[in-house]
């Protein structure tokens, strides 16, 4: 079954504003770029695509070997929907949507199997860090606080079965200054 990884990436210069108490603008930009690079690398050996609306992000995506799906002014939910539709039209049957702020991400390919919907929640069981869906199932994305519960309900709506994968390396996202302190077995997130 042909699968691809889709990574939505916000403009690096505007990313991670909630980290402002801990990091200045250039450090946040560098961190966002670093984490996104980790996530795209974790897509291998699957095809990687970056959905974005920023020229600098598009140039970076090409540099790291990812396809660019241009979705200007769409917002996260609609940009991801556009990216999934693009990959479906390119012949991919499953799409792994992985967010760009997962500094511990490793192989995403292991999640691509199956036939239904697989969700990887954040470590708080609040957000959805990774969603794996059949490309043409009509899944409606609804990111933001509480997205994990909404995506579970959406999996029920599309009636394809739901698996919840609790993967520690994919559950750690970086949204707040406290998130910069990675688990003790991992080095701190680089910020320069």
N, C-alpha and C. Protein backbone atom coordinates (compact mmCIF):
# COMPACT_ATOMS: atom_id res chain seq x y z
N UNK A 1 0.84 -1.18 0.00
CA UNK A 1 0.00 0.00 0.00
C UNK A 1 0.89 1.24 0.00
N UNK A 2 0.68 2.12 -0.96
CA UNK A 2 1.49 3.33 -1.07
C UNK A 2 1.08 4.34 0.00
N UNK A 3 2.06 4.76 0.78
CA UNK A 3 1.79 5.73 1.84
C UNK A 3 2.78 6.89 1.73
N UNK A 4 2.36 8.04 2.21
CA UNK A 4 3.20 9.23 2.22
C UNK A 4 3.03 9.92 3.57
N UNK A 5 4.02 10.74 3.90
CA UNK A 5 3.97 11.53 5.13
C UNK A 5 3.75 12.99 4.73
N UNK A 6 2.79 13.62 5.37
CA UNK A 6 2.50 15.03 5.15
C UNK A 6 2.84 15.80 6.42
N UNK A 7 3.67 16.83 6.27
CA UNK A 7 4.09 17.65 7.41
C UNK A 7 3.63 19.09 7.18
N UNK A 8 2.64 19.56 7.94
CA UNK A 8 2.26 20.97 7.82
C UNK A 8 3.30 21.82 8.55
N UNK A 9 3.80 22.85 7.87
CA UNK A 9 4.84 23.68 8.46
C UNK A 9 4.46 25.15 8.32
N UNK A 10 4.36 25.80 9.45
CA UNK A 10 4.09 27.23 9.52
C UNK A 10 5.38 27.99 9.21
N UNK A 11 5.27 29.20 8.75
CA UNK A 11 6.45 30.03 8.49
C UNK A 11 7.36 30.00 9.71
N UNK A 12 8.62 29.67 9.51
CA UNK A 12 9.55 29.56 10.63
C UNK A 12 9.62 30.85 11.43
N UNK A 13 9.56 31.98 10.77
CA UNK A 13 9.67 33.27 11.45
C UNK A 13 8.46 33.57 12.34
N UNK A 14 7.33 32.88 12.09
CA UNK A 14 6.12 33.11 12.89
C UNK A 14 5.78 31.91 13.78
N UNK A 15 6.64 30.93 13.81
CA UNK A 15 6.34 29.69 14.54
C UNK A 15 6.67 29.81 16.02
N UNK A 16 5.97 29.07 16.81
CA UNK A 16 6.25 28.87 18.22
C UNK A 16 6.27 30.16 19.05
N UNK A 17 5.30 31.01 18.81
CA UNK A 17 5.22 32.28 19.54
C UNK A 17 5.01 32.07 21.04
N UNK A 18 4.39 30.94 21.43
CA UNK A 18 4.19 30.69 22.86
C UNK A 18 5.51 30.43 23.59
N UNK A 19 6.59 30.23 22.83
CA UNK A 19 7.89 30.04 23.45
C UNK A 19 8.63 31.35 23.69
N UNK A 20 7.99 32.48 23.36
CA UNK A 20 8.64 33.79 23.48
C UNK A 20 9.18 34.08 24.89
N UNK A 21 8.54 33.62 25.97
CA UNK A 21 9.14 33.89 27.28
C UNK A 21 10.51 33.24 27.46
N UNK A 22 10.80 32.19 26.67
CA UNK A 22 12.07 31.48 26.83
C UNK A 22 13.05 31.71 25.69
N UNK A 23 12.54 32.02 24.50
CA UNK A 23 13.40 32.13 23.32
C UNK A 23 13.07 33.38 22.52
N UNK A 24 14.11 34.05 22.02
CA UNK A 24 13.87 35.20 21.16
C UNK A 24 13.47 34.72 19.76
N UNK A 25 13.13 35.65 18.89
CA UNK A 25 12.66 35.31 17.54
C UNK A 25 13.61 34.43 16.74
N UNK A 26 14.89 34.79 16.62
CA UNK A 26 15.80 33.94 15.86
C UNK A 26 15.95 32.53 16.45
N UNK A 27 15.94 32.41 17.78
CA UNK A 27 16.04 31.09 18.40
C UNK A 27 14.79 30.26 18.13
N UNK A 28 13.61 30.89 18.17
CA UNK A 28 12.36 30.17 17.87
C UNK A 28 12.37 29.71 16.41
N UNK A 29 12.84 30.58 15.51
CA UNK A 29 12.90 30.23 14.10
C UNK A 29 13.85 29.05 13.87
N UNK A 30 15.00 29.08 14.51
CA UNK A 30 15.97 28.00 14.38
C UNK A 30 15.41 26.69 14.95
N UNK A 31 14.76 26.79 16.09
CA UNK A 31 14.16 25.61 16.71
C UNK A 31 13.08 25.01 15.81
N UNK A 32 12.21 25.85 15.27
CA UNK A 32 11.14 25.36 14.40
C UNK A 32 11.71 24.65 13.18
N UNK A 33 12.74 25.22 12.59
CA UNK A 33 13.40 24.60 11.43
C UNK A 33 14.03 23.26 11.81
N UNK A 34 14.70 23.23 12.95
CA UNK A 34 15.35 21.99 13.41
C UNK A 34 14.31 20.88 13.62
N UNK A 35 13.24 21.19 14.35
CA UNK A 35 12.23 20.16 14.63
C UNK A 35 11.57 19.68 13.34
N UNK A 36 11.26 20.58 12.43
CA UNK A 36 10.65 20.18 11.16
C UNK A 36 11.59 19.28 10.37
N UNK A 37 12.88 19.56 10.43
CA UNK A 37 13.86 18.71 9.74
C UNK A 37 13.88 17.31 10.34
N UNK A 38 13.79 17.22 11.66
CA UNK A 38 13.73 15.92 12.33
C UNK A 38 12.51 15.13 11.85
N UNK A 39 11.36 15.80 11.76
CA UNK A 39 10.13 15.12 11.36
C UNK A 39 10.21 14.66 9.91
N UNK A 40 10.70 15.51 9.02
CA UNK A 40 10.82 15.09 7.61
C UNK A 40 11.79 13.90 7.50
N UNK A 41 12.88 13.93 8.24
CA UNK A 41 13.82 12.80 8.21
C UNK A 41 13.15 11.53 8.72
N UNK A 42 12.25 11.65 9.69
CA UNK A 42 11.55 10.48 10.24
C UNK A 42 10.57 9.87 9.25
N UNK A 43 10.27 10.59 8.17
CA UNK A 43 9.37 10.05 7.15
C UNK A 43 10.02 8.93 6.34
N UNK A 44 11.32 8.95 6.21
CA UNK A 44 12.03 7.96 5.37
C UNK A 44 11.68 6.55 5.82
N UNK A 45 11.47 5.64 4.92
CA UNK A 45 11.67 5.72 3.47
C UNK A 45 10.42 6.16 2.70
N UNK A 46 9.40 6.61 3.41
CA UNK A 46 8.18 7.04 2.73
C UNK A 46 8.39 8.38 2.03
N UNK A 47 7.54 8.65 1.05
CA UNK A 47 7.52 9.94 0.38
C UNK A 47 7.13 11.00 1.40
N UNK A 48 7.86 12.13 1.41
CA UNK A 48 7.55 13.21 2.34
C UNK A 48 7.08 14.43 1.57
N UNK A 49 6.02 15.05 2.07
CA UNK A 49 5.50 16.29 1.49
C UNK A 49 5.30 17.28 2.62
N UNK A 50 5.59 18.54 2.33
CA UNK A 50 5.40 19.63 3.29
C UNK A 50 4.31 20.53 2.74
N UNK A 51 3.27 20.75 3.52
CA UNK A 51 2.22 21.69 3.12
C UNK A 51 2.51 23.01 3.83
N UNK A 52 2.55 24.09 3.04
CA UNK A 52 2.96 25.37 3.60
C UNK A 52 2.42 26.52 2.74
N UNK A 53 2.63 27.74 3.26
CA UNK A 53 2.27 28.94 2.50
C UNK A 53 3.34 30.00 2.64
N UNK A 54 4.59 29.56 2.79
CA UNK A 54 5.69 30.47 3.03
C UNK A 54 6.85 30.10 2.10
N UNK A 55 7.42 31.10 1.43
CA UNK A 55 8.51 30.83 0.48
C UNK A 55 9.74 30.23 1.15
N UNK A 56 10.10 30.72 2.34
CA UNK A 56 11.28 30.18 3.02
C UNK A 56 11.06 28.73 3.42
N UNK A 57 9.86 28.39 3.86
CA UNK A 57 9.55 27.00 4.21
C UNK A 57 9.59 26.13 2.95
N UNK A 58 9.04 26.62 1.86
CA UNK A 58 9.06 25.86 0.61
C UNK A 58 10.50 25.60 0.16
N UNK A 59 11.37 26.60 0.25
CA UNK A 59 12.77 26.42 -0.13
C UNK A 59 13.45 25.40 0.78
N UNK A 60 13.19 25.49 2.09
CA UNK A 60 13.73 24.51 3.03
C UNK A 60 13.25 23.11 2.69
N UNK A 61 11.96 22.96 2.39
CA UNK A 61 11.40 21.64 2.08
C UNK A 61 12.12 21.01 0.89
N UNK A 62 12.38 21.80 -0.13
CA UNK A 62 13.12 21.29 -1.29
C UNK A 62 14.52 20.86 -0.86
N UNK A 63 15.17 21.66 -0.01
CA UNK A 63 16.52 21.33 0.47
C UNK A 63 16.56 20.00 1.20
N UNK A 64 15.52 19.69 1.96
CA UNK A 64 15.51 18.44 2.74
C UNK A 64 14.87 17.28 1.98
N UNK A 65 14.55 17.50 0.71
CA UNK A 65 14.06 16.43 -0.14
C UNK A 65 12.58 16.14 -0.07
N UNK A 66 11.81 17.08 0.40
CA UNK A 66 10.36 16.90 0.50
C UNK A 66 9.66 17.60 -0.66
N UNK A 67 8.54 17.04 -1.06
CA UNK A 67 7.67 17.69 -2.03
C UNK A 67 6.99 18.88 -1.35
N UNK A 68 6.75 19.93 -2.10
CA UNK A 68 6.06 21.09 -1.56
C UNK A 68 4.61 21.08 -2.06
N UNK A 69 3.68 21.18 -1.12
CA UNK A 69 2.26 21.35 -1.44
C UNK A 69 1.91 22.77 -0.99
N UNK A 70 1.67 23.62 -1.94
CA UNK A 70 1.43 25.04 -1.66
C UNK A 70 -0.04 25.24 -1.30
N UNK A 71 -0.30 25.82 -0.14
CA UNK A 71 -1.68 26.04 0.33
C UNK A 71 -1.76 27.39 1.02
N UNK A 72 -1.71 28.48 0.26
CA UNK A 72 -1.68 29.81 0.87
C UNK A 72 -2.98 30.20 1.56
N UNK A 73 -2.84 30.77 2.75
CA UNK A 73 -3.97 31.34 3.47
C UNK A 73 -5.08 30.36 3.83
N UNK A 74 -4.76 29.11 4.00
CA UNK A 74 -5.79 28.10 4.24
C UNK A 74 -6.01 27.79 5.71
N UNK A 75 -5.07 28.13 6.58
CA UNK A 75 -5.19 27.71 7.97
C UNK A 75 -4.82 26.24 8.08
N UNK A 76 -4.55 25.78 9.28
CA UNK A 76 -4.03 24.43 9.47
C UNK A 76 -4.99 23.34 8.99
N UNK A 77 -6.24 23.37 9.42
CA UNK A 77 -7.17 22.30 9.05
C UNK A 77 -7.33 22.18 7.53
N UNK A 78 -7.57 23.29 6.88
CA UNK A 78 -7.79 23.25 5.42
C UNK A 78 -6.50 22.97 4.67
N UNK A 79 -5.35 23.44 5.18
CA UNK A 79 -4.08 23.13 4.52
C UNK A 79 -3.80 21.64 4.57
N UNK A 80 -4.05 21.01 5.72
CA UNK A 80 -3.84 19.56 5.82
C UNK A 80 -4.80 18.83 4.90
N UNK A 81 -6.05 19.27 4.86
CA UNK A 81 -7.03 18.65 3.95
C UNK A 81 -6.56 18.76 2.51
N UNK A 82 -6.07 19.94 2.12
CA UNK A 82 -5.55 20.13 0.76
C UNK A 82 -4.36 19.21 0.51
N UNK A 83 -3.46 19.10 1.48
CA UNK A 83 -2.29 18.25 1.33
C UNK A 83 -2.66 16.79 1.17
N UNK A 84 -3.62 16.32 1.96
CA UNK A 84 -4.08 14.93 1.85
C UNK A 84 -4.71 14.71 0.48
N UNK A 85 -5.54 15.64 0.04
CA UNK A 85 -6.18 15.52 -1.28
C UNK A 85 -5.13 15.48 -2.39
N UNK A 86 -4.11 16.30 -2.27
CA UNK A 86 -3.03 16.29 -3.27
C UNK A 86 -2.34 14.93 -3.31
N UNK A 87 -2.03 14.39 -2.15
CA UNK A 87 -1.36 13.09 -2.10
C UNK A 87 -2.26 11.98 -2.62
N UNK A 88 -3.56 12.06 -2.32
CA UNK A 88 -4.50 11.07 -2.86
C UNK A 88 -4.53 11.14 -4.38
N UNK A 89 -4.54 12.35 -4.94
CA UNK A 89 -4.57 12.50 -6.40
C UNK A 89 -3.25 12.06 -7.04
N UNK A 90 -2.19 11.97 -6.22
CA UNK A 90 -0.90 11.49 -6.72
C UNK A 90 -0.76 9.98 -6.60
N UNK A 91 -1.81 9.32 -6.11
CA UNK A 91 -1.82 7.86 -6.05
C UNK A 91 -1.50 7.26 -4.70
N UNK A 92 -1.32 8.07 -3.67
CA UNK A 92 -1.06 7.52 -2.34
C UNK A 92 -2.37 7.10 -1.70
N UNK A 93 -2.35 5.92 -1.08
CA UNK A 93 -3.56 5.37 -0.48
C UNK A 93 -3.71 5.72 1.00
N UNK A 94 -2.57 5.94 1.67
CA UNK A 94 -2.60 6.31 3.09
C UNK A 94 -1.69 7.51 3.30
N UNK A 95 -2.08 8.36 4.23
CA UNK A 95 -1.29 9.54 4.55
C UNK A 95 -1.05 9.59 6.05
N UNK A 96 0.20 9.79 6.42
CA UNK A 96 0.61 9.99 7.80
C UNK A 96 0.80 11.50 7.96
N UNK A 97 -0.08 12.15 8.70
CA UNK A 97 0.04 13.58 8.95
C UNK A 97 0.79 13.72 10.27
N UNK A 98 2.01 14.26 10.19
CA UNK A 98 2.86 14.41 11.37
C UNK A 98 3.21 15.87 11.55
N UNK A 99 2.96 16.39 12.71
CA UNK A 99 3.24 17.81 12.95
C UNK A 99 4.73 18.07 13.07
N UNK A 100 5.11 19.28 12.78
CA UNK A 100 6.52 19.65 12.63
C UNK A 100 7.21 19.99 13.94
N UNK A 101 6.54 19.80 15.07
CA UNK A 101 7.16 20.17 16.35
C UNK A 101 7.40 18.96 17.24
N UNK A 102 7.90 17.89 16.62
CA UNK A 102 8.15 16.64 17.35
C UNK A 102 9.65 16.37 17.37
N UNK A 103 10.39 16.93 18.33
CA UNK A 103 11.85 16.85 18.30
C UNK A 103 12.41 15.45 18.51
N UNK A 104 11.61 14.51 18.99
CA UNK A 104 12.08 13.15 19.24
C UNK A 104 11.60 12.18 18.17
N UNK A 105 10.98 12.68 17.12
CA UNK A 105 10.39 11.81 16.10
C UNK A 105 11.41 10.86 15.51
N UNK A 106 10.97 9.63 15.36
CA UNK A 106 11.76 8.62 14.67
C UNK A 106 10.89 8.07 13.56
N UNK A 107 11.13 6.89 13.13
CA UNK A 107 10.44 6.35 11.96
C UNK A 107 8.92 6.45 12.05
N UNK A 108 8.36 7.12 11.06
CA UNK A 108 6.90 7.23 10.94
C UNK A 108 6.33 6.12 10.08
N UNK A 109 7.17 5.44 9.34
CA UNK A 109 6.71 4.41 8.40
C UNK A 109 5.97 3.28 9.10
N UNK A 110 6.36 2.97 10.33
CA UNK A 110 5.71 1.89 11.06
C UNK A 110 4.24 2.15 11.35
N UNK A 111 3.83 3.40 11.29
CA UNK A 111 2.43 3.74 11.53
C UNK A 111 1.58 3.68 10.27
N UNK A 112 2.21 3.58 9.11
CA UNK A 112 1.49 3.72 7.84
C UNK A 112 0.62 2.53 7.49
N UNK A 113 0.83 1.38 8.09
CA UNK A 113 0.05 0.20 7.77
C UNK A 113 -1.36 0.30 8.30
N UNK A 114 -2.11 -0.74 8.11
CA UNK A 114 -3.49 -0.78 8.58
C UNK A 114 -4.45 -0.28 7.53
N UNK A 115 -5.72 -0.28 7.91
CA UNK A 115 -6.75 0.15 6.96
C UNK A 115 -7.60 1.28 7.49
N UNK A 116 -7.64 1.45 8.78
CA UNK A 116 -8.48 2.49 9.37
C UNK A 116 -7.72 3.74 9.70
N UNK A 117 -8.12 4.37 10.78
CA UNK A 117 -7.51 5.61 11.26
C UNK A 117 -6.65 5.28 12.47
N UNK A 118 -5.44 5.78 12.49
CA UNK A 118 -4.56 5.66 13.65
C UNK A 118 -4.23 7.06 14.13
N UNK A 119 -4.40 7.29 15.41
CA UNK A 119 -4.09 8.59 16.01
C UNK A 119 -3.02 8.43 17.07
N UNK A 120 -2.07 9.35 17.08
CA UNK A 120 -1.05 9.43 18.12
C UNK A 120 -1.30 10.73 18.87
N UNK A 121 -1.81 10.65 20.11
CA UNK A 121 -2.06 11.88 20.87
C UNK A 121 -0.77 12.42 21.46
N UNK A 122 -0.83 13.68 21.87
CA UNK A 122 0.30 14.23 22.61
C UNK A 122 0.31 13.59 24.00
N UNK A 123 1.33 13.88 24.77
CA UNK A 123 1.50 13.22 26.07
C UNK A 123 0.44 13.65 27.08
N UNK A 124 -0.34 14.66 26.76
CA UNK A 124 -1.42 15.12 27.64
C UNK A 124 -2.78 14.57 27.21
N UNK A 125 -2.80 13.77 26.13
CA UNK A 125 -4.05 13.26 25.55
C UNK A 125 -4.98 14.41 25.17
N UNK A 126 -4.42 15.49 24.72
CA UNK A 126 -5.21 16.65 24.32
C UNK A 126 -5.11 16.88 22.81
N UNK A 127 -3.91 17.03 22.30
CA UNK A 127 -3.71 17.29 20.87
C UNK A 127 -3.45 16.02 20.09
N UNK A 128 -3.45 16.16 18.77
CA UNK A 128 -3.18 15.04 17.87
C UNK A 128 -1.87 15.33 17.16
N UNK A 129 -0.81 14.63 17.57
CA UNK A 129 0.50 14.87 16.97
C UNK A 129 0.66 14.17 15.63
N UNK A 130 0.06 12.99 15.50
CA UNK A 130 0.12 12.24 14.24
C UNK A 130 -1.25 11.63 13.99
N UNK A 131 -1.70 11.73 12.75
CA UNK A 131 -2.95 11.08 12.31
C UNK A 131 -2.64 10.33 11.03
N UNK A 132 -3.01 9.07 11.00
CA UNK A 132 -2.81 8.24 9.81
C UNK A 132 -4.19 7.88 9.29
N UNK A 133 -4.43 8.22 8.02
CA UNK A 133 -5.77 8.02 7.46
C UNK A 133 -5.68 7.44 6.05
N UNK A 134 -6.75 6.75 5.63
CA UNK A 134 -6.84 6.44 4.20
C UNK A 134 -6.99 7.77 3.46
N UNK A 135 -6.24 7.93 2.39
CA UNK A 135 -6.16 9.24 1.73
C UNK A 135 -7.50 9.74 1.21
N UNK A 136 -8.36 8.86 0.81
CA UNK A 136 -9.62 9.29 0.19
C UNK A 136 -10.84 9.06 1.07
N UNK A 137 -10.66 9.06 2.39
CA UNK A 137 -11.79 8.71 3.27
C UNK A 137 -12.66 9.89 3.66
N UNK A 138 -12.24 11.13 3.35
CA UNK A 138 -13.05 12.29 3.70
C UNK A 138 -12.93 12.70 5.15
N UNK A 139 -11.82 12.35 5.78
CA UNK A 139 -11.59 12.71 7.18
C UNK A 139 -11.55 14.22 7.32
N UNK A 140 -12.26 14.75 8.33
CA UNK A 140 -12.28 16.20 8.59
C UNK A 140 -11.36 16.51 9.75
N UNK A 141 -10.32 17.28 9.47
CA UNK A 141 -9.36 17.65 10.50
C UNK A 141 -9.89 18.80 11.34
N UNK A 142 -9.54 18.78 12.63
CA UNK A 142 -10.00 19.81 13.56
C UNK A 142 -8.94 19.99 14.64
N UNK A 143 -7.85 20.65 14.28
CA UNK A 143 -6.74 20.84 15.20
C UNK A 143 -7.03 21.94 16.21
N UNK A 144 -6.15 22.04 17.20
CA UNK A 144 -6.30 22.99 18.28
C UNK A 144 -6.54 22.24 19.58
N UNK A 145 -6.72 22.97 20.69
CA UNK A 145 -6.95 22.32 21.97
C UNK A 145 -8.11 21.33 21.87
N UNK A 146 -7.91 20.13 22.43
CA UNK A 146 -8.95 19.10 22.42
C UNK A 146 -9.07 18.34 21.11
N UNK A 147 -8.10 18.49 20.22
CA UNK A 147 -8.22 17.86 18.89
C UNK A 147 -8.23 16.34 18.96
N UNK A 148 -7.55 15.76 19.94
CA UNK A 148 -7.52 14.29 20.01
C UNK A 148 -8.94 13.73 20.15
N UNK A 149 -9.73 14.29 21.04
CA UNK A 149 -11.11 13.81 21.22
C UNK A 149 -11.94 14.03 19.95
N UNK A 150 -11.76 15.19 19.32
CA UNK A 150 -12.52 15.46 18.09
C UNK A 150 -12.10 14.51 16.97
N UNK A 151 -10.81 14.22 16.88
CA UNK A 151 -10.36 13.30 15.83
C UNK A 151 -10.82 11.87 16.11
N UNK A 152 -10.90 11.48 17.37
CA UNK A 152 -11.47 10.16 17.70
C UNK A 152 -12.93 10.09 17.23
N UNK A 153 -13.68 11.14 17.48
CA UNK A 153 -15.08 11.19 17.04
C UNK A 153 -15.17 11.17 15.52
N UNK A 154 -14.25 11.85 14.86
CA UNK A 154 -14.25 11.87 13.39
C UNK A 154 -13.93 10.48 12.83
N UNK A 155 -13.05 9.75 13.49
CA UNK A 155 -12.76 8.38 13.06
C UNK A 155 -14.02 7.52 13.13
N UNK A 156 -14.81 7.75 14.16
CA UNK A 156 -16.09 7.03 14.26
C UNK A 156 -17.02 7.43 13.12
N UNK A 157 -17.05 8.71 12.78
CA UNK A 157 -17.92 9.18 11.71
C UNK A 157 -17.58 8.52 10.37
N UNK A 158 -16.28 8.40 10.06
CA UNK A 158 -15.90 7.79 8.78
C UNK A 158 -15.97 6.28 8.84
N UNK A 159 -16.21 5.72 10.03
CA UNK A 159 -16.48 4.29 10.23
C UNK A 159 -15.43 3.37 9.61
N UNK A 160 -14.16 3.70 9.84
CA UNK A 160 -13.09 2.85 9.32
C UNK A 160 -12.31 2.15 10.42
N UNK A 161 -12.71 2.32 11.64
CA UNK A 161 -11.98 1.74 12.75
C UNK A 161 -10.92 2.69 13.24
N UNK A 162 -10.68 2.69 14.54
CA UNK A 162 -9.73 3.60 15.16
C UNK A 162 -8.73 2.82 15.98
N UNK A 163 -7.46 3.11 15.78
CA UNK A 163 -6.39 2.61 16.64
C UNK A 163 -5.71 3.84 17.26
N UNK A 164 -5.45 3.77 18.54
CA UNK A 164 -4.71 4.83 19.22
C UNK A 164 -3.33 4.27 19.53
N UNK A 165 -2.31 4.93 19.01
CA UNK A 165 -0.92 4.51 19.23
C UNK A 165 -0.27 5.48 20.19
N UNK A 166 0.17 4.98 21.30
CA UNK A 166 0.84 5.83 22.28
C UNK A 166 2.34 5.60 22.12
N UNK A 167 2.95 6.50 21.36
CA UNK A 167 4.37 6.40 21.02
C UNK A 167 5.08 7.57 21.70
N UNK A 168 5.90 7.26 22.69
CA UNK A 168 6.52 8.31 23.50
C UNK A 168 7.30 9.32 22.64
N UNK A 169 8.03 8.84 21.66
CA UNK A 169 8.84 9.74 20.83
C UNK A 169 7.97 10.68 19.99
N UNK A 170 6.74 10.28 19.72
CA UNK A 170 5.84 11.11 18.92
C UNK A 170 4.86 11.89 19.79
N UNK A 171 4.79 11.57 21.06
CA UNK A 171 3.87 12.25 21.97
C UNK A 171 4.46 13.56 22.49
N UNK A 172 5.79 13.71 22.38
CA UNK A 172 6.44 14.91 22.92
C UNK A 172 6.48 15.99 21.85
N UNK A 173 5.59 16.97 21.99
CA UNK A 173 5.61 18.13 21.10
C UNK A 173 6.09 19.34 21.90
N UNK A 174 6.45 20.38 21.20
CA UNK A 174 7.00 21.56 21.87
C UNK A 174 6.07 22.74 21.60
N UNK A 175 5.33 23.11 22.63
CA UNK A 175 4.40 24.23 22.53
C UNK A 175 4.68 25.31 23.56
N UNK A 176 5.17 24.89 24.73
CA UNK A 176 5.38 25.80 25.85
C UNK A 176 6.84 25.76 26.28
N UNK A 177 7.32 26.79 26.99
CA UNK A 177 8.72 26.76 27.43
C UNK A 177 9.10 25.49 28.19
N UNK A 178 8.22 24.96 29.03
CA UNK A 178 8.54 23.75 29.78
C UNK A 178 8.81 22.55 28.87
N UNK A 179 8.24 22.58 27.66
CA UNK A 179 8.42 21.46 26.72
C UNK A 179 9.84 21.39 26.16
N UNK A 180 10.62 22.45 26.35
CA UNK A 180 12.00 22.46 25.86
C UNK A 180 12.89 21.51 26.66
N UNK A 181 12.47 21.18 27.88
CA UNK A 181 13.23 20.24 28.71
C UNK A 181 12.78 18.83 28.37
N UNK A 182 13.50 18.21 27.45
CA UNK A 182 13.13 16.88 26.99
C UNK A 182 13.31 15.85 28.10
N UNK A 183 12.70 14.66 27.94
CA UNK A 183 12.89 13.62 28.95
C UNK A 183 14.38 13.44 29.26
N UNK A 184 14.69 13.04 30.48
CA UNK A 184 16.07 13.03 30.98
C UNK A 184 17.02 12.22 30.11
N UNK A 185 16.56 11.25 29.37
CA UNK A 185 17.46 10.45 28.55
C UNK A 185 17.80 11.13 27.23
N UNK A 186 17.23 12.28 26.99
CA UNK A 186 17.45 12.99 25.71
C UNK A 186 18.14 14.33 25.97
N UNK A 187 18.97 14.77 25.03
CA UNK A 187 19.59 16.08 25.20
C UNK A 187 18.55 17.19 25.03
N UNK A 188 18.82 18.37 25.54
CA UNK A 188 17.89 19.49 25.37
C UNK A 188 17.69 19.81 23.89
N UNK A 189 16.54 20.37 23.59
CA UNK A 189 16.26 20.78 22.20
C UNK A 189 17.21 21.91 21.84
N UNK A 190 17.95 21.77 20.70
CA UNK A 190 18.85 22.87 20.31
C UNK A 190 18.07 24.09 19.89
N UNK A 191 18.51 25.23 20.31
CA UNK A 191 17.79 26.47 20.02
C UNK A 191 18.63 27.48 19.24
N UNK A 192 19.77 27.07 18.70
CA UNK A 192 20.55 28.04 17.93
C UNK A 192 20.99 27.47 16.61
